[in-house]
Amino acid sequence: MLINLRNGVWDARQEKLLEHDPISCWHAGGGELRLRSHRPGWLAFLARVQPDPEVRAYLQRAMGWSMTADMGEQIMFLHHGDGATEERLP
């Protein structure tokens, strides 16, 4: 699984940031990889909407799986609810 970013290509299988390869990755995503970076906005949002730390950890994994389209876990997420909560990340 390769994810093209502004500062390189993230190889999720090897967990390494590689140099850009214009032949195989011609379109760069808008973000940058910053290993071990702090995510205060994301973590504060999760704490506000989900007080249970185990469920928060699961939601973080679910977002990661969804963003990478990794099918290794063979999981499908079905979103259910009333909607219109207008929750936004700060």
N, C-alpha and C. Protein backbone atom coordinates (compact mmCIF):
# COMPACT_ATOMS: atom_id res chain seq x y z
N MET A 1 0.84 -1.16 0.00
CA MET A 1 0.00 0.00 0.00
C MET A 1 0.90 1.23 0.00
N LEU A 2 0.83 2.02 -1.06
CA LEU A 2 1.60 3.25 -1.17
C LEU A 2 0.67 4.44 -1.13
N ILE A 3 1.04 5.45 -0.35
CA ILE A 3 0.26 6.68 -0.25
C ILE A 3 1.20 7.83 -0.61
N ASN A 4 0.89 8.52 -1.69
CA ASN A 4 1.75 9.61 -2.16
C ASN A 4 1.42 10.89 -1.40
N LEU A 5 2.42 11.47 -0.77
CA LEU A 5 2.27 12.68 0.02
C LEU A 5 3.22 13.76 -0.50
N ARG A 6 3.10 14.96 0.05
CA ARG A 6 3.96 16.05 -0.42
C ARG A 6 5.44 15.79 -0.13
N ASN A 7 5.73 15.13 0.97
CA ASN A 7 7.12 14.95 1.36
C ASN A 7 7.67 13.54 1.06
N GLY A 8 6.98 12.77 0.26
CA GLY A 8 7.45 11.44 -0.11
C GLY A 8 6.30 10.47 -0.32
N VAL A 9 6.64 9.21 -0.45
CA VAL A 9 5.64 8.15 -0.62
C VAL A 9 5.70 7.25 0.60
N TRP A 10 4.59 7.14 1.32
CA TRP A 10 4.52 6.30 2.52
C TRP A 10 4.20 4.88 2.10
N ASP A 11 5.09 3.96 2.43
CA ASP A 11 4.87 2.53 2.19
C ASP A 11 4.33 1.96 3.49
N ALA A 12 3.03 1.72 3.53
CA ALA A 12 2.38 1.28 4.76
C ALA A 12 2.79 -0.13 5.16
N ARG A 13 3.12 -0.97 4.20
CA ARG A 13 3.53 -2.34 4.53
C ARG A 13 4.90 -2.37 5.20
N GLN A 14 5.83 -1.56 4.69
CA GLN A 14 7.17 -1.52 5.26
C GLN A 14 7.31 -0.46 6.36
N GLU A 15 6.28 0.39 6.49
CA GLU A 15 6.29 1.50 7.45
C GLU A 15 7.52 2.37 7.23
N LYS A 16 7.71 2.80 5.97
CA LYS A 16 8.85 3.63 5.59
C LYS A 16 8.38 4.75 4.67
N LEU A 17 9.00 5.92 4.81
CA LEU A 17 8.77 7.02 3.88
C LEU A 17 9.82 6.94 2.79
N LEU A 18 9.37 6.79 1.53
CA LEU A 18 10.26 6.64 0.39
C LEU A 18 10.35 7.94 -0.38
N GLU A 19 11.36 8.03 -1.25
CA GLU A 19 11.48 9.17 -2.15
C GLU A 19 10.34 9.12 -3.16
N HIS A 20 9.98 10.29 -3.70
CA HIS A 20 8.95 10.34 -4.74
C HIS A 20 9.41 9.58 -5.98
N ASP A 21 8.48 8.89 -6.60
CA ASP A 21 8.73 8.19 -7.86
C ASP A 21 7.73 8.71 -8.88
N PRO A 22 8.14 9.63 -9.75
CA PRO A 22 7.18 10.24 -10.69
C PRO A 22 6.58 9.25 -11.68
N ILE A 23 7.21 8.11 -11.87
CA ILE A 23 6.67 7.11 -12.81
C ILE A 23 5.45 6.41 -12.22
N SER A 24 5.54 5.94 -10.97
CA SER A 24 4.44 5.16 -10.40
C SER A 24 3.47 6.00 -9.57
N CYS A 25 3.89 7.15 -9.10
CA CYS A 25 3.02 8.01 -8.28
C CYS A 25 3.04 9.41 -8.85
N TRP A 26 2.12 9.70 -9.73
CA TRP A 26 2.15 10.97 -10.43
C TRP A 26 1.30 12.04 -9.76
N HIS A 27 0.46 11.70 -8.81
CA HIS A 27 -0.38 12.70 -8.15
C HIS A 27 -0.10 12.68 -6.66
N ALA A 28 0.27 13.82 -6.10
CA ALA A 28 0.59 13.90 -4.66
C ALA A 28 -0.64 14.32 -3.88
N GLY A 29 -0.83 13.70 -2.72
CA GLY A 29 -1.89 14.11 -1.82
C GLY A 29 -1.56 15.45 -1.17
N GLY A 30 -2.51 16.01 -0.49
CA GLY A 30 -2.31 17.33 0.10
C GLY A 30 -1.58 17.33 1.42
N GLY A 31 -1.36 16.18 2.02
CA GLY A 31 -0.77 16.14 3.35
C GLY A 31 0.69 15.74 3.34
N GLU A 32 1.27 15.82 4.53
CA GLU A 32 2.65 15.38 4.73
C GLU A 32 2.65 14.36 5.85
N LEU A 33 3.61 13.45 5.80
CA LEU A 33 3.78 12.48 6.88
C LEU A 33 4.70 13.08 7.93
N ARG A 34 4.23 13.10 9.15
CA ARG A 34 5.06 13.52 10.28
C ARG A 34 4.95 12.44 11.33
N LEU A 35 5.92 11.53 11.33
CA LEU A 35 5.90 10.42 12.27
C LEU A 35 5.91 10.93 13.70
N ARG A 36 5.12 10.29 14.52
CA ARG A 36 5.02 10.60 15.94
C ARG A 36 4.59 12.04 16.21
N SER A 37 3.87 12.63 15.27
CA SER A 37 3.40 14.00 15.47
C SER A 37 2.18 13.99 16.40
N HIS A 38 1.97 15.09 17.06
CA HIS A 38 0.82 15.22 17.95
C HIS A 38 -0.38 15.66 17.13
N ARG A 39 -1.54 15.13 17.48
CA ARG A 39 -2.77 15.45 16.77
C ARG A 39 -3.79 15.97 17.77
N PRO A 40 -3.54 17.13 18.36
CA PRO A 40 -4.42 17.59 19.44
C PRO A 40 -5.86 17.83 18.99
N GLY A 41 -6.07 18.35 17.78
CA GLY A 41 -7.44 18.58 17.31
C GLY A 41 -8.23 17.30 17.15
N TRP A 42 -7.60 16.30 16.53
CA TRP A 42 -8.25 15.00 16.31
C TRP A 42 -8.51 14.30 17.64
N LEU A 43 -7.52 14.29 18.53
CA LEU A 43 -7.69 13.61 19.81
C LEU A 43 -8.72 14.31 20.69
N ALA A 44 -8.75 15.63 20.66
CA ALA A 44 -9.76 16.38 21.44
C ALA A 44 -11.16 16.10 20.90
N PHE A 45 -11.29 16.05 19.58
CA PHE A 45 -12.58 15.75 18.97
C PHE A 45 -13.06 14.37 19.39
N LEU A 46 -12.18 13.36 19.30
CA LEU A 46 -12.56 12.01 19.71
C LEU A 46 -12.95 11.94 21.17
N ALA A 47 -12.21 12.62 22.03
CA ALA A 47 -12.53 12.62 23.47
C ALA A 47 -13.88 13.27 23.73
N ARG A 48 -14.21 14.30 22.94
CA ARG A 48 -15.49 14.99 23.14
C ARG A 48 -16.67 14.12 22.69
N VAL A 49 -16.53 13.43 21.57
CA VAL A 49 -17.66 12.66 21.04
C VAL A 49 -17.71 11.23 21.53
N GLN A 50 -16.57 10.72 22.08
CA GLN A 50 -16.54 9.34 22.55
C GLN A 50 -15.67 9.24 23.80
N PRO A 51 -16.32 9.23 24.98
CA PRO A 51 -15.55 9.22 26.22
C PRO A 51 -14.84 7.89 26.53
N ASP A 52 -15.29 6.79 25.96
CA ASP A 52 -14.69 5.48 26.25
C ASP A 52 -13.36 5.33 25.51
N PRO A 53 -12.22 5.17 26.22
CA PRO A 53 -10.92 5.09 25.55
C PRO A 53 -10.77 3.88 24.62
N GLU A 54 -11.41 2.76 24.93
CA GLU A 54 -11.33 1.59 24.05
C GLU A 54 -12.05 1.84 22.74
N VAL A 55 -13.21 2.50 22.81
CA VAL A 55 -13.95 2.81 21.59
C VAL A 55 -13.19 3.86 20.78
N ARG A 56 -12.57 4.83 21.44
CA ARG A 56 -11.75 5.82 20.74
C ARG A 56 -10.60 5.15 19.98
N ALA A 57 -9.93 4.20 20.62
CA ALA A 57 -8.83 3.49 19.96
C ALA A 57 -9.35 2.73 18.73
N TYR A 58 -10.52 2.11 18.86
CA TYR A 58 -11.12 1.40 17.74
C TYR A 58 -11.45 2.37 16.60
N LEU A 59 -12.01 3.53 16.93
CA LEU A 59 -12.36 4.52 15.91
C LEU A 59 -11.11 5.00 15.17
N GLN A 60 -10.02 5.16 15.89
CA GLN A 60 -8.77 5.57 15.24
C GLN A 60 -8.29 4.50 14.26
N ARG A 61 -8.38 3.23 14.67
CA ARG A 61 -8.00 2.15 13.76
C ARG A 61 -8.93 2.11 12.54
N ALA A 62 -10.23 2.28 12.79
CA ALA A 62 -11.21 2.26 11.70
C ALA A 62 -10.92 3.36 10.69
N MET A 63 -10.58 4.54 11.16
CA MET A 63 -10.25 5.64 10.25
C MET A 63 -9.00 5.31 9.45
N GLY A 64 -8.00 4.74 10.11
CA GLY A 64 -6.78 4.35 9.40
C GLY A 64 -7.05 3.32 8.32
N TRP A 65 -7.83 2.30 8.64
CA TRP A 65 -8.17 1.28 7.65
C TRP A 65 -8.94 1.90 6.50
N SER A 66 -9.86 2.80 6.81
CA SER A 66 -10.68 3.42 5.77
C SER A 66 -9.84 4.31 4.86
N MET A 67 -8.90 5.03 5.42
CA MET A 67 -8.07 5.94 4.63
C MET A 67 -7.11 5.21 3.70
N THR A 68 -6.64 4.04 4.11
CA THR A 68 -5.67 3.31 3.29
C THR A 68 -6.31 2.29 2.37
N ALA A 69 -7.57 1.97 2.57
CA ALA A 69 -8.27 0.94 1.79
C ALA A 69 -7.60 -0.42 1.94
N ASP A 70 -6.96 -0.65 3.07
CA ASP A 70 -6.30 -1.94 3.35
C ASP A 70 -7.38 -2.98 3.62
N MET A 71 -7.38 -4.05 2.84
CA MET A 71 -8.38 -5.11 2.99
C MET A 71 -7.85 -6.27 3.83
N GLY A 72 -6.66 -6.14 4.41
CA GLY A 72 -6.05 -7.21 5.18
C GLY A 72 -6.86 -7.64 6.38
N GLU A 73 -7.60 -6.73 6.99
CA GLU A 73 -8.41 -7.07 8.16
C GLU A 73 -9.77 -7.63 7.78
N GLN A 74 -10.15 -7.52 6.52
CA GLN A 74 -11.45 -7.99 6.03
C GLN A 74 -12.60 -7.47 6.89
N ILE A 75 -12.62 -6.15 7.00
CA ILE A 75 -13.63 -5.46 7.81
C ILE A 75 -14.40 -4.50 6.91
N MET A 76 -15.71 -4.39 7.16
CA MET A 76 -16.53 -3.41 6.46
C MET A 76 -17.25 -2.58 7.51
N PHE A 77 -17.22 -1.27 7.36
CA PHE A 77 -17.86 -0.38 8.31
C PHE A 77 -19.18 0.12 7.76
N LEU A 78 -20.22 -0.01 8.55
CA LEU A 78 -21.53 0.52 8.20
C LEU A 78 -21.85 1.65 9.17
N HIS A 79 -22.04 2.83 8.64
CA HIS A 79 -22.33 4.00 9.48
C HIS A 79 -23.84 4.08 9.66
N HIS A 80 -24.26 4.22 10.91
CA HIS A 80 -25.69 4.24 11.22
C HIS A 80 -25.96 5.34 12.23
N GLY A 81 -27.04 6.03 12.07
CA GLY A 81 -27.40 7.06 13.03
C GLY A 81 -28.32 8.08 12.40
N ASP A 82 -28.76 9.01 13.22
CA ASP A 82 -29.68 10.05 12.75
C ASP A 82 -28.98 11.06 11.85
N GLY A 83 -27.67 11.22 12.03
CA GLY A 83 -26.94 12.19 11.23
C GLY A 83 -27.23 13.61 11.67
N ALA A 84 -26.80 14.54 10.87
CA ALA A 84 -27.03 15.96 11.11
C ALA A 84 -26.50 16.41 12.47
N THR A 85 -25.43 15.78 12.96
CA THR A 85 -24.86 16.19 14.25
C THR A 85 -23.99 17.43 14.08
N GLU A 86 -23.58 17.68 12.84
CA GLU A 86 -22.76 18.84 12.50
C GLU A 86 -21.47 18.88 13.30
N GLU A 87 -20.95 17.69 13.65
CA GLU A 87 -19.66 17.64 14.34
C GLU A 87 -18.56 17.99 13.34
N ARG A 88 -17.65 18.82 13.74
CA ARG A 88 -16.54 19.22 12.89
C ARG A 88 -15.26 19.20 13.70
N LEU A 89 -14.17 18.86 13.04
CA LEU A 89 -12.87 18.98 13.69
C LEU A 89 -12.52 20.45 13.81
N PRO A 90 -11.92 20.84 14.92
CA PRO A 90 -11.55 22.25 15.06
C PRO A 90 -10.46 22.64 14.10
